[in-house]
């Protein structure tokens, strides 16, 4: 009985996601293969972990490909604009990783300009300057999260900035639908 419900839920998510990809002309064999892999992960924590990693890879590739921040000498596009227009700041370096309230870089920021944690909330964050240029990343617009994550999970991730992956995964698990929690309980017995 429980296995039937899990299979039905997985089939529903798969079909909805494929329909979404086809509608937006973004369907590829690679994406279908990834979807099948995710659906075949029966352990909920492992599934969310895999989705989280895949979303991080997706956003990393988007930023490498489109380069919206356009860093030059550790200064992003917005900071260069502010500097050129003589708008005072404590620091122009490291873009959004610099905290103006703490007057230092994020604790996960490494000296080589990378992050020591995979914070999906930070990867999704787009400053107002870039939003005006048309950049905006929302989980509901990314096929992997559209049907695998619910509204509460998506909002939690979007506001969970400067947090380690493990903490965010715990938050995602807390906010999963009751039906998923029940299926997890009964399928483990």
N, C-alpha and C. Protein backbone atom coordinates (compact mmCIF):
# COMPACT_ATOMS: atom_id res chain seq x y z
N UNK A 1 0.83 -1.20 0.00
CA UNK A 1 0.00 0.00 0.00
C UNK A 1 0.88 1.26 0.00
N UNK A 2 1.82 1.34 0.94
CA UNK A 2 2.70 2.50 1.05
C UNK A 2 3.56 2.63 -0.21
N UNK A 3 4.09 1.51 -0.68
CA UNK A 3 4.92 1.54 -1.88
C UNK A 3 4.14 2.06 -3.09
N UNK A 4 2.86 1.70 -3.15
CA UNK A 4 2.00 2.15 -4.23
C UNK A 4 1.82 3.68 -4.18
N UNK A 5 1.63 4.22 -2.97
CA UNK A 5 1.47 5.66 -2.80
C UNK A 5 2.75 6.40 -3.18
N UNK A 6 3.89 5.87 -2.77
CA UNK A 6 5.18 6.49 -3.08
C UNK A 6 5.39 6.50 -4.59
N UNK A 7 5.09 5.37 -5.23
CA UNK A 7 5.25 5.25 -6.68
C UNK A 7 4.32 6.23 -7.40
N UNK A 8 3.09 6.36 -6.91
CA UNK A 8 2.11 7.27 -7.50
C UNK A 8 2.58 8.72 -7.37
N UNK A 9 3.10 9.08 -6.17
CA UNK A 9 3.60 10.44 -5.94
C UNK A 9 4.79 10.73 -6.87
N UNK A 10 5.72 9.79 -6.96
CA UNK A 10 6.89 9.96 -7.81
C UNK A 10 6.52 10.10 -9.28
N UNK A 11 5.58 9.29 -9.72
CA UNK A 11 5.11 9.34 -11.10
C UNK A 11 4.46 10.69 -11.40
N UNK A 12 3.68 11.19 -10.44
CA UNK A 12 3.02 12.49 -10.59
C UNK A 12 4.07 13.61 -10.74
N UNK A 13 5.07 13.60 -9.86
CA UNK A 13 6.13 14.63 -9.90
C UNK A 13 6.89 14.54 -11.22
N UNK A 14 7.20 13.33 -11.65
CA UNK A 14 7.95 13.14 -12.90
C UNK A 14 7.16 13.70 -14.08
N UNK A 15 5.88 13.34 -14.18
CA UNK A 15 5.05 13.78 -15.30
C UNK A 15 4.88 15.30 -15.31
N UNK A 16 4.65 15.90 -14.13
CA UNK A 16 4.50 17.36 -14.03
C UNK A 16 5.78 18.07 -14.47
N UNK A 17 6.92 17.54 -14.05
CA UNK A 17 8.20 18.17 -14.38
C UNK A 17 8.48 18.06 -15.87
N UNK A 18 8.24 16.88 -16.45
CA UNK A 18 8.45 16.69 -17.90
C UNK A 18 7.53 17.62 -18.69
N UNK A 19 6.28 17.73 -18.26
CA UNK A 19 5.33 18.63 -18.92
C UNK A 19 5.83 20.07 -18.86
N UNK A 20 6.35 20.48 -17.70
CA UNK A 20 6.90 21.84 -17.53
C UNK A 20 8.09 22.07 -18.46
N UNK A 21 8.99 21.09 -18.53
CA UNK A 21 10.17 21.20 -19.39
C UNK A 21 9.78 21.28 -20.87
N UNK A 22 8.83 20.44 -21.26
CA UNK A 22 8.37 20.45 -22.66
C UNK A 22 7.68 21.77 -23.01
N UNK A 23 6.88 22.28 -22.08
CA UNK A 23 6.17 23.55 -22.29
C UNK A 23 7.16 24.69 -22.49
N UNK A 24 8.25 24.67 -21.74
CA UNK A 24 9.24 25.74 -21.82
C UNK A 24 10.39 25.41 -22.78
N UNK A 25 10.23 24.33 -23.52
CA UNK A 25 11.22 23.90 -24.51
C UNK A 25 12.62 23.77 -23.90
N UNK A 26 12.66 23.21 -22.69
CA UNK A 26 13.94 23.03 -22.00
C UNK A 26 14.22 21.56 -21.72
N UNK A 27 13.44 20.68 -22.33
CA UNK A 27 13.61 19.26 -22.05
C UNK A 27 14.83 18.70 -22.79
N UNK A 28 15.65 17.98 -22.05
CA UNK A 28 16.79 17.29 -22.65
C UNK A 28 16.88 15.91 -22.03
N UNK A 29 17.59 15.03 -22.69
CA UNK A 29 17.79 13.67 -22.17
C UNK A 29 18.53 13.71 -20.84
N UNK A 30 19.46 14.67 -20.73
CA UNK A 30 20.24 14.81 -19.49
C UNK A 30 19.33 15.17 -18.31
N UNK A 31 18.39 16.08 -18.53
CA UNK A 31 17.46 16.48 -17.47
C UNK A 31 16.52 15.34 -17.10
N UNK A 32 16.06 14.60 -18.10
CA UNK A 32 15.20 13.44 -17.83
C UNK A 32 15.94 12.38 -17.02
N UNK A 33 17.19 12.17 -17.36
CA UNK A 33 18.02 11.20 -16.64
C UNK A 33 18.19 11.62 -15.17
N UNK A 34 18.42 12.91 -14.96
CA UNK A 34 18.57 13.44 -13.60
C UNK A 34 17.26 13.28 -12.82
N UNK A 35 16.14 13.56 -13.46
CA UNK A 35 14.83 13.39 -12.81
C UNK A 35 14.62 11.94 -12.38
N UNK A 36 14.91 11.01 -13.28
CA UNK A 36 14.74 9.59 -12.95
C UNK A 36 15.62 9.19 -11.78
N UNK A 37 16.85 9.71 -11.77
CA UNK A 37 17.76 9.40 -10.68
C UNK A 37 17.20 9.90 -9.34
N UNK A 38 16.68 11.13 -9.33
CA UNK A 38 16.12 11.70 -8.10
C UNK A 38 14.91 10.90 -7.64
N UNK A 39 14.04 10.55 -8.55
CA UNK A 39 12.83 9.80 -8.20
C UNK A 39 13.16 8.42 -7.64
N UNK A 40 14.26 7.85 -8.09
CA UNK A 40 14.64 6.52 -7.60
C UNK A 40 15.37 6.55 -6.26
N UNK A 41 15.60 7.72 -5.70
CA UNK A 41 16.18 7.82 -4.37
C UNK A 41 15.04 7.73 -3.36
N UNK A 42 14.98 6.65 -2.62
CA UNK A 42 13.86 6.42 -1.71
C UNK A 42 14.03 7.10 -0.35
N UNK A 43 15.25 7.30 0.08
CA UNK A 43 15.50 7.96 1.36
C UNK A 43 15.28 9.46 1.19
N UNK A 44 14.35 10.02 1.96
CA UNK A 44 13.96 11.42 1.80
C UNK A 44 15.13 12.38 2.01
N UNK A 45 15.92 12.17 3.06
CA UNK A 45 17.06 13.06 3.33
C UNK A 45 18.07 13.00 2.19
N UNK A 46 18.35 11.79 1.69
CA UNK A 46 19.29 11.65 0.57
C UNK A 46 18.74 12.31 -0.69
N UNK A 47 17.42 12.21 -0.89
CA UNK A 47 16.79 12.82 -2.06
C UNK A 47 16.93 14.34 -2.00
N UNK A 48 16.59 14.93 -0.86
CA UNK A 48 16.71 16.38 -0.73
C UNK A 48 18.17 16.82 -0.84
N UNK A 49 19.07 16.03 -0.32
CA UNK A 49 20.49 16.34 -0.41
C UNK A 49 20.93 16.34 -1.88
N UNK A 50 20.46 15.36 -2.63
CA UNK A 50 20.82 15.26 -4.04
C UNK A 50 20.23 16.43 -4.84
N UNK A 51 18.97 16.77 -4.55
CA UNK A 51 18.33 17.91 -5.21
C UNK A 51 19.09 19.19 -4.89
N UNK A 52 19.48 19.36 -3.63
CA UNK A 52 20.23 20.53 -3.18
C UNK A 52 21.54 20.66 -3.96
N UNK A 53 22.27 19.55 -4.06
CA UNK A 53 23.55 19.55 -4.79
C UNK A 53 23.33 19.88 -6.27
N UNK A 54 22.28 19.31 -6.85
CA UNK A 54 21.99 19.56 -8.27
C UNK A 54 21.61 21.03 -8.50
N UNK A 55 20.85 21.61 -7.57
CA UNK A 55 20.49 23.02 -7.68
C UNK A 55 21.73 23.91 -7.55
N UNK A 56 22.63 23.55 -6.66
CA UNK A 56 23.89 24.31 -6.51
C UNK A 56 24.70 24.25 -7.80
N UNK A 57 24.81 23.06 -8.38
CA UNK A 57 25.55 22.92 -9.65
C UNK A 57 24.90 23.76 -10.75
N UNK A 58 23.58 23.70 -10.81
CA UNK A 58 22.84 24.46 -11.82
C UNK A 58 23.13 25.96 -11.68
N UNK A 59 23.02 26.49 -10.46
CA UNK A 59 23.25 27.92 -10.25
C UNK A 59 24.71 28.31 -10.47
N UNK A 60 25.63 27.44 -10.06
CA UNK A 60 27.05 27.70 -10.32
C UNK A 60 27.32 27.81 -11.82
N UNK A 61 26.74 26.89 -12.58
CA UNK A 61 26.90 26.93 -14.05
C UNK A 61 26.27 28.18 -14.66
N UNK A 62 25.09 28.56 -14.15
CA UNK A 62 24.43 29.77 -14.63
C UNK A 62 25.32 30.99 -14.41
N UNK A 63 25.91 31.09 -13.22
CA UNK A 63 26.74 32.25 -12.91
C UNK A 63 28.05 32.24 -13.69
N UNK A 64 28.60 31.05 -13.91
CA UNK A 64 29.82 30.97 -14.73
C UNK A 64 29.52 31.35 -16.18
N UNK A 65 28.40 30.85 -16.67
CA UNK A 65 28.03 31.08 -18.07
C UNK A 65 27.63 32.54 -18.33
N UNK A 66 26.79 33.10 -17.47
CA UNK A 66 26.25 34.45 -17.71
C UNK A 66 27.07 35.55 -17.03
N UNK A 67 27.81 35.20 -16.00
CA UNK A 67 28.68 36.14 -15.28
C UNK A 67 27.98 37.46 -14.96
N UNK A 68 26.84 37.42 -14.26
CA UNK A 68 26.08 38.65 -14.02
C UNK A 68 26.82 39.66 -13.12
N UNK A 69 27.60 39.19 -12.17
CA UNK A 69 28.29 40.10 -11.24
C UNK A 69 29.53 40.73 -11.87
N UNK A 70 30.07 40.09 -12.87
CA UNK A 70 31.21 40.61 -13.63
C UNK A 70 32.33 41.12 -12.72
N UNK A 71 32.83 40.24 -11.85
CA UNK A 71 33.91 40.63 -10.93
C UNK A 71 35.18 40.97 -11.68
N UNK A 72 35.79 42.06 -11.28
CA UNK A 72 37.11 42.47 -11.77
C UNK A 72 37.90 42.94 -10.56
N UNK A 73 39.03 42.29 -10.30
CA UNK A 73 39.86 42.61 -9.14
C UNK A 73 39.04 42.55 -7.85
N UNK A 74 38.21 41.54 -7.70
CA UNK A 74 37.35 41.32 -6.53
C UNK A 74 36.27 42.39 -6.34
N UNK A 75 35.98 43.15 -7.36
CA UNK A 75 34.95 44.18 -7.26
C UNK A 75 33.85 43.85 -8.28
N UNK A 76 32.60 43.74 -7.78
CA UNK A 76 31.48 43.40 -8.66
C UNK A 76 31.00 44.63 -9.42
N UNK A 77 30.11 44.39 -10.36
CA UNK A 77 29.56 45.43 -11.23
C UNK A 77 28.89 46.54 -10.41
N UNK A 78 28.10 46.17 -9.40
CA UNK A 78 27.40 47.16 -8.58
C UNK A 78 28.40 48.02 -7.80
N UNK A 79 29.39 47.39 -7.20
CA UNK A 79 30.38 48.13 -6.42
C UNK A 79 31.19 49.07 -7.30
N UNK A 80 31.50 48.63 -8.52
CA UNK A 80 32.22 49.51 -9.45
C UNK A 80 31.38 50.74 -9.78
N UNK A 81 30.07 50.51 -9.97
CA UNK A 81 29.16 51.61 -10.25
C UNK A 81 29.15 52.60 -9.08
N UNK A 82 29.05 52.07 -7.86
CA UNK A 82 29.03 52.93 -6.67
C UNK A 82 30.33 53.71 -6.53
N UNK A 83 31.44 53.02 -6.78
CA UNK A 83 32.76 53.64 -6.66
C UNK A 83 32.93 54.75 -7.71
N UNK A 84 32.51 54.46 -8.93
CA UNK A 84 32.62 55.43 -10.03
C UNK A 84 31.76 56.67 -9.78
N UNK A 85 30.67 56.49 -9.05
CA UNK A 85 29.76 57.61 -8.77
C UNK A 85 29.99 58.20 -7.37
N UNK A 86 31.15 57.88 -6.79
CA UNK A 86 31.56 58.42 -5.49
C UNK A 86 30.55 58.18 -4.37
N UNK A 87 29.90 57.05 -4.40
CA UNK A 87 28.98 56.67 -3.31
C UNK A 87 29.80 55.89 -2.29
N UNK A 88 29.92 56.44 -1.09
CA UNK A 88 30.81 55.87 -0.07
C UNK A 88 30.29 54.54 0.46
N UNK A 89 31.24 53.63 0.70
CA UNK A 89 30.97 52.31 1.30
C UNK A 89 32.17 51.97 2.17
N UNK A 90 31.97 51.05 3.09
CA UNK A 90 33.09 50.58 3.91
C UNK A 90 34.08 49.80 3.07
N UNK A 91 33.55 49.03 2.13
CA UNK A 91 34.39 48.23 1.25
C UNK A 91 33.67 48.04 -0.07
N UNK A 92 34.44 48.01 -1.13
CA UNK A 92 33.87 47.73 -2.44
C UNK A 92 34.18 46.29 -2.86
N UNK A 93 34.96 45.60 -2.03
CA UNK A 93 35.42 44.26 -2.38
C UNK A 93 34.40 43.18 -2.06
N UNK A 94 34.44 42.11 -2.83
CA UNK A 94 33.74 40.84 -2.59
C UNK A 94 32.21 40.91 -2.67
N UNK A 95 31.66 41.92 -3.23
CA UNK A 95 30.22 41.99 -3.52
C UNK A 95 29.33 41.66 -2.35
N UNK A 96 28.37 40.76 -2.57
CA UNK A 96 27.37 40.41 -1.56
C UNK A 96 27.94 39.62 -0.38
N UNK A 97 29.16 39.12 -0.51
CA UNK A 97 29.77 38.35 0.57
C UNK A 97 30.28 39.25 1.69
N UNK A 98 30.32 40.57 1.43
CA UNK A 98 30.73 41.51 2.46
C UNK A 98 29.50 41.94 3.25
N UNK A 99 29.57 41.86 4.58
CA UNK A 99 28.46 42.25 5.43
C UNK A 99 28.70 43.66 5.96
N UNK A 100 27.80 44.56 5.64
CA UNK A 100 27.95 45.95 6.08
C UNK A 100 27.58 46.12 7.55
N UNK A 101 26.76 45.22 8.08
CA UNK A 101 26.42 45.30 9.50
C UNK A 101 27.58 44.81 10.36
N UNK A 102 28.26 43.77 9.91
CA UNK A 102 29.39 43.22 10.67
C UNK A 102 30.73 43.83 10.23
N UNK A 103 30.71 44.56 9.15
CA UNK A 103 31.91 45.20 8.57
C UNK A 103 33.03 44.19 8.32
N UNK A 104 32.63 43.05 7.77
CA UNK A 104 33.60 42.02 7.39
C UNK A 104 32.95 41.09 6.36
N UNK A 105 33.79 40.24 5.78
CA UNK A 105 33.26 39.24 4.85
C UNK A 105 32.49 38.18 5.61
N UNK A 106 31.63 37.48 4.90
CA UNK A 106 30.91 36.34 5.47
C UNK A 106 31.93 35.36 6.04
N UNK A 107 31.56 34.68 7.12
CA UNK A 107 32.51 33.75 7.76
C UNK A 107 32.86 32.56 6.86
N UNK A 108 32.07 32.30 5.83
CA UNK A 108 32.34 31.19 4.92
C UNK A 108 33.15 31.61 3.70
N UNK A 109 33.43 32.90 3.59
CA UNK A 109 34.19 33.42 2.46
C UNK A 109 35.66 33.07 2.62
N UNK A 110 36.24 32.48 1.56
CA UNK A 110 37.66 32.10 1.60
C UNK A 110 38.51 33.15 0.88
N UNK A 111 39.77 33.18 1.21
CA UNK A 111 40.66 34.21 0.66
C UNK A 111 40.79 34.15 -0.87
N UNK A 112 40.51 32.99 -1.47
CA UNK A 112 40.61 32.90 -2.94
C UNK A 112 39.32 33.35 -3.64
N UNK A 113 38.37 33.90 -2.86
CA UNK A 113 37.14 34.43 -3.44
C UNK A 113 36.03 33.41 -3.59
N UNK A 114 36.20 32.23 -3.02
CA UNK A 114 35.15 31.21 -3.10
C UNK A 114 34.50 31.03 -1.73
N UNK A 115 33.51 30.18 -1.68
CA UNK A 115 32.75 29.96 -0.46
C UNK A 115 33.09 28.57 0.10
N UNK A 116 33.22 28.48 1.41
CA UNK A 116 33.54 27.19 2.03
C UNK A 116 32.30 26.35 2.31
N UNK A 117 31.12 26.91 2.10
CA UNK A 117 29.88 26.16 2.27
C UNK A 117 29.02 26.34 1.02
N UNK A 118 28.16 25.40 0.77
CA UNK A 118 27.27 25.51 -0.38
C UNK A 118 25.93 26.04 0.13
N UNK A 119 25.82 27.35 0.17
CA UNK A 119 24.59 27.97 0.67
C UNK A 119 23.70 28.33 -0.52
N UNK A 120 22.63 27.58 -0.67
CA UNK A 120 21.72 27.78 -1.79
C UNK A 120 21.05 29.15 -1.71
N UNK A 121 20.76 29.62 -0.50
CA UNK A 121 20.16 30.94 -0.33
C UNK A 121 21.06 32.03 -0.88
N UNK A 122 22.35 31.93 -0.62
CA UNK A 122 23.31 32.92 -1.16
C UNK A 122 23.40 32.83 -2.67
N UNK A 123 23.37 31.62 -3.19
CA UNK A 123 23.47 31.44 -4.65
C UNK A 123 22.26 32.02 -5.37
N UNK A 124 21.11 32.01 -4.70
CA UNK A 124 19.88 32.55 -5.28
C UNK A 124 19.79 34.06 -5.15
N UNK A 125 20.53 34.63 -4.21
CA UNK A 125 20.43 36.08 -3.94
C UNK A 125 20.93 36.89 -5.13
N UNK A 126 20.12 37.86 -5.52
CA UNK A 126 20.49 38.78 -6.59
C UNK A 126 20.25 40.19 -6.05
N UNK A 127 21.28 41.03 -6.13
CA UNK A 127 21.15 42.40 -5.62
C UNK A 127 20.20 43.21 -6.52
N UNK A 128 19.73 44.33 -5.98
CA UNK A 128 18.80 45.19 -6.73
C UNK A 128 19.39 45.68 -8.05
N UNK A 129 20.68 45.94 -8.04
CA UNK A 129 21.36 46.42 -9.24
C UNK A 129 21.22 45.41 -10.38
N UNK A 130 21.44 44.13 -10.07
CA UNK A 130 21.33 43.08 -11.10
C UNK A 130 19.88 42.80 -11.46
N UNK A 131 18.97 42.95 -10.50
CA UNK A 131 17.55 42.76 -10.81
C UNK A 131 17.09 43.77 -11.85
N UNK A 132 17.61 45.00 -11.74
CA UNK A 132 17.26 46.03 -12.72
C UNK A 132 17.76 45.66 -14.11
N UNK A 133 18.83 44.86 -14.15
CA UNK A 133 19.38 44.40 -15.43
C UNK A 133 18.67 43.15 -15.95
N UNK A 134 17.70 42.65 -15.18
CA UNK A 134 16.91 41.51 -15.63
C UNK A 134 17.29 40.16 -15.05
N UNK A 135 18.25 40.14 -14.12
CA UNK A 135 18.63 38.87 -13.49
C UNK A 135 17.73 38.62 -12.28
N UNK A 136 17.22 37.42 -12.20
CA UNK A 136 16.40 37.05 -11.05
C UNK A 136 16.29 35.53 -11.01
N UNK A 137 16.73 34.94 -9.93
CA UNK A 137 16.66 33.48 -9.79
C UNK A 137 15.68 33.14 -8.68
N UNK A 138 14.61 32.46 -9.05
CA UNK A 138 13.61 31.99 -8.10
C UNK A 138 13.51 30.48 -8.23
N UNK A 139 13.35 29.82 -7.11
CA UNK A 139 13.29 28.36 -7.13
C UNK A 139 12.11 27.85 -7.95
N UNK A 140 11.04 28.60 -7.99
CA UNK A 140 9.87 28.13 -8.75
C UNK A 140 10.12 28.14 -10.25
N UNK A 141 11.16 28.81 -10.69
CA UNK A 141 11.50 28.86 -12.12
C UNK A 141 12.58 27.85 -12.50
N UNK A 142 13.04 27.08 -11.55
CA UNK A 142 14.07 26.08 -11.81
C UNK A 142 13.40 24.70 -11.76
N UNK A 143 13.50 23.97 -12.84
CA UNK A 143 12.72 22.73 -12.98
C UNK A 143 12.93 21.74 -11.84
N UNK A 144 14.12 21.66 -11.28
CA UNK A 144 14.38 20.68 -10.23
C UNK A 144 13.61 20.97 -8.94
N UNK A 145 13.35 22.21 -8.69
CA UNK A 145 12.68 22.55 -7.44
C UNK A 145 11.19 22.84 -7.62
N UNK A 146 10.76 23.01 -8.84
CA UNK A 146 9.37 23.39 -9.09
C UNK A 146 8.37 22.43 -8.44
N UNK A 147 8.58 21.13 -8.59
CA UNK A 147 7.62 20.17 -8.03
C UNK A 147 8.21 19.31 -6.91
N UNK A 148 9.51 19.33 -6.74
CA UNK A 148 10.12 18.54 -5.67
C UNK A 148 10.10 19.27 -4.32
N UNK A 149 9.96 20.59 -4.35
CA UNK A 149 9.93 21.38 -3.12
C UNK A 149 8.60 22.10 -3.02
N UNK A 150 8.08 22.21 -1.80
CA UNK A 150 6.83 22.95 -1.62
C UNK A 150 7.12 24.43 -1.35
N UNK A 151 6.08 25.22 -1.25
CA UNK A 151 6.21 26.67 -1.07
C UNK A 151 7.03 27.01 0.17
N UNK A 152 6.73 26.37 1.29
CA UNK A 152 7.44 26.66 2.55
C UNK A 152 8.93 26.34 2.43
N UNK A 153 9.26 25.25 1.77
CA UNK A 153 10.66 24.87 1.59
C UNK A 153 11.39 25.89 0.70
N UNK A 154 10.73 26.30 -0.37
CA UNK A 154 11.34 27.27 -1.29
C UNK A 154 11.60 28.60 -0.59
N UNK A 155 10.61 29.09 0.15
CA UNK A 155 10.77 30.37 0.86
C UNK A 155 11.88 30.25 1.91
N UNK A 156 11.92 29.14 2.61
CA UNK A 156 12.98 28.94 3.62
C UNK A 156 14.36 29.02 2.96
N UNK A 157 14.53 28.32 1.85
CA UNK A 157 15.82 28.30 1.16
C UNK A 157 16.20 29.70 0.70
N UNK A 158 15.25 30.42 0.11
CA UNK A 158 15.53 31.76 -0.41
C UNK A 158 16.00 32.73 0.67
N UNK A 159 15.53 32.55 1.91
CA UNK A 159 15.91 33.47 2.99
C UNK A 159 17.01 32.90 3.90
N UNK A 160 17.43 31.68 3.64
CA UNK A 160 18.48 31.05 4.45
C UNK A 160 19.85 31.38 3.87
N UNK A 161 20.31 32.60 4.10
CA UNK A 161 21.61 33.02 3.58
C UNK A 161 22.67 32.91 4.68
N UNK A 162 23.89 32.70 4.22
CA UNK A 162 25.06 32.59 5.10
C UNK A 162 24.88 31.48 6.14
N UNK A 163 24.32 30.36 5.67
CA UNK A 163 24.13 29.17 6.52
C UNK A 163 24.77 27.98 5.82
N UNK A 164 25.28 27.03 6.60
CA UNK A 164 25.85 25.83 5.98
C UNK A 164 24.77 24.92 5.40
N UNK A 165 25.17 24.13 4.44
CA UNK A 165 24.25 23.22 3.75
C UNK A 165 23.49 22.33 4.73
N UNK A 166 24.17 21.77 5.71
CA UNK A 166 23.54 20.84 6.66
C UNK A 166 22.37 21.49 7.39
N UNK A 167 22.54 22.74 7.76
CA UNK A 167 21.48 23.47 8.46
C UNK A 167 20.28 23.70 7.54
N UNK A 168 20.56 24.00 6.28
CA UNK A 168 19.48 24.24 5.32
C UNK A 168 18.73 22.94 5.02
N UNK A 169 19.45 21.84 4.89
CA UNK A 169 18.80 20.53 4.66
C UNK A 169 17.87 20.20 5.83
N UNK A 170 18.30 20.45 7.05
CA UNK A 170 17.43 20.22 8.22
C UNK A 170 16.16 21.05 8.12
N UNK A 171 16.31 22.31 7.70
CA UNK A 171 15.15 23.19 7.54
C UNK A 171 14.21 22.70 6.45
N UNK A 172 14.78 22.19 5.36
CA UNK A 172 13.97 21.65 4.27
C UNK A 172 13.17 20.43 4.77
N UNK A 173 13.84 19.56 5.51
CA UNK A 173 13.17 18.36 6.02
C UNK A 173 12.05 18.72 6.99
N UNK A 174 12.25 19.72 7.82
CA UNK A 174 11.21 20.18 8.77
C UNK A 174 9.98 20.67 8.04
N UNK A 175 10.18 21.24 6.88
CA UNK A 175 9.09 21.88 6.15
C UNK A 175 8.50 21.00 5.04
N UNK A 176 8.85 19.71 5.03
CA UNK A 176 8.29 18.86 3.98
C UNK A 176 6.81 18.58 4.27
N UNK A 177 6.06 18.25 3.24
CA UNK A 177 4.61 18.02 3.42
C UNK A 177 4.33 16.87 4.39
N UNK A 178 3.21 16.97 5.07
CA UNK A 178 2.82 15.95 6.05
C UNK A 178 2.71 14.59 5.39
N UNK A 179 2.18 14.53 4.17
CA UNK A 179 2.05 13.24 3.48
C UNK A 179 3.41 12.59 3.29
N UNK A 180 4.43 13.39 2.99
CA UNK A 180 5.78 12.85 2.83
C UNK A 180 6.30 12.33 4.17
N UNK A 181 6.04 13.08 5.23
CA UNK A 181 6.46 12.63 6.57
C UNK A 181 5.81 11.30 6.92
N UNK A 182 4.50 11.21 6.63
CA UNK A 182 3.77 9.95 6.92
C UNK A 182 4.31 8.80 6.06
N UNK A 183 4.53 9.06 4.79
CA UNK A 183 5.08 8.01 3.92
C UNK A 183 6.45 7.55 4.42
N UNK A 184 7.27 8.51 4.88
CA UNK A 184 8.60 8.16 5.43
C UNK A 184 8.46 7.26 6.66
N UNK A 185 7.52 7.61 7.54
CA UNK A 185 7.33 6.84 8.78
C UNK A 185 6.87 5.42 8.45
N UNK A 186 5.84 5.31 7.59
CA UNK A 186 5.28 3.98 7.30
C UNK A 186 6.16 3.15 6.39
N UNK A 187 6.94 3.77 5.53
CA UNK A 187 7.79 2.99 4.63
C UNK A 187 9.03 2.46 5.37
N UNK A 188 9.38 3.07 6.49
CA UNK A 188 10.55 2.59 7.25
C UNK A 188 10.20 1.43 8.17
N UNK A 189 8.91 1.18 8.36
CA UNK A 189 8.48 0.04 9.22
C UNK A 189 8.44 -1.25 8.48
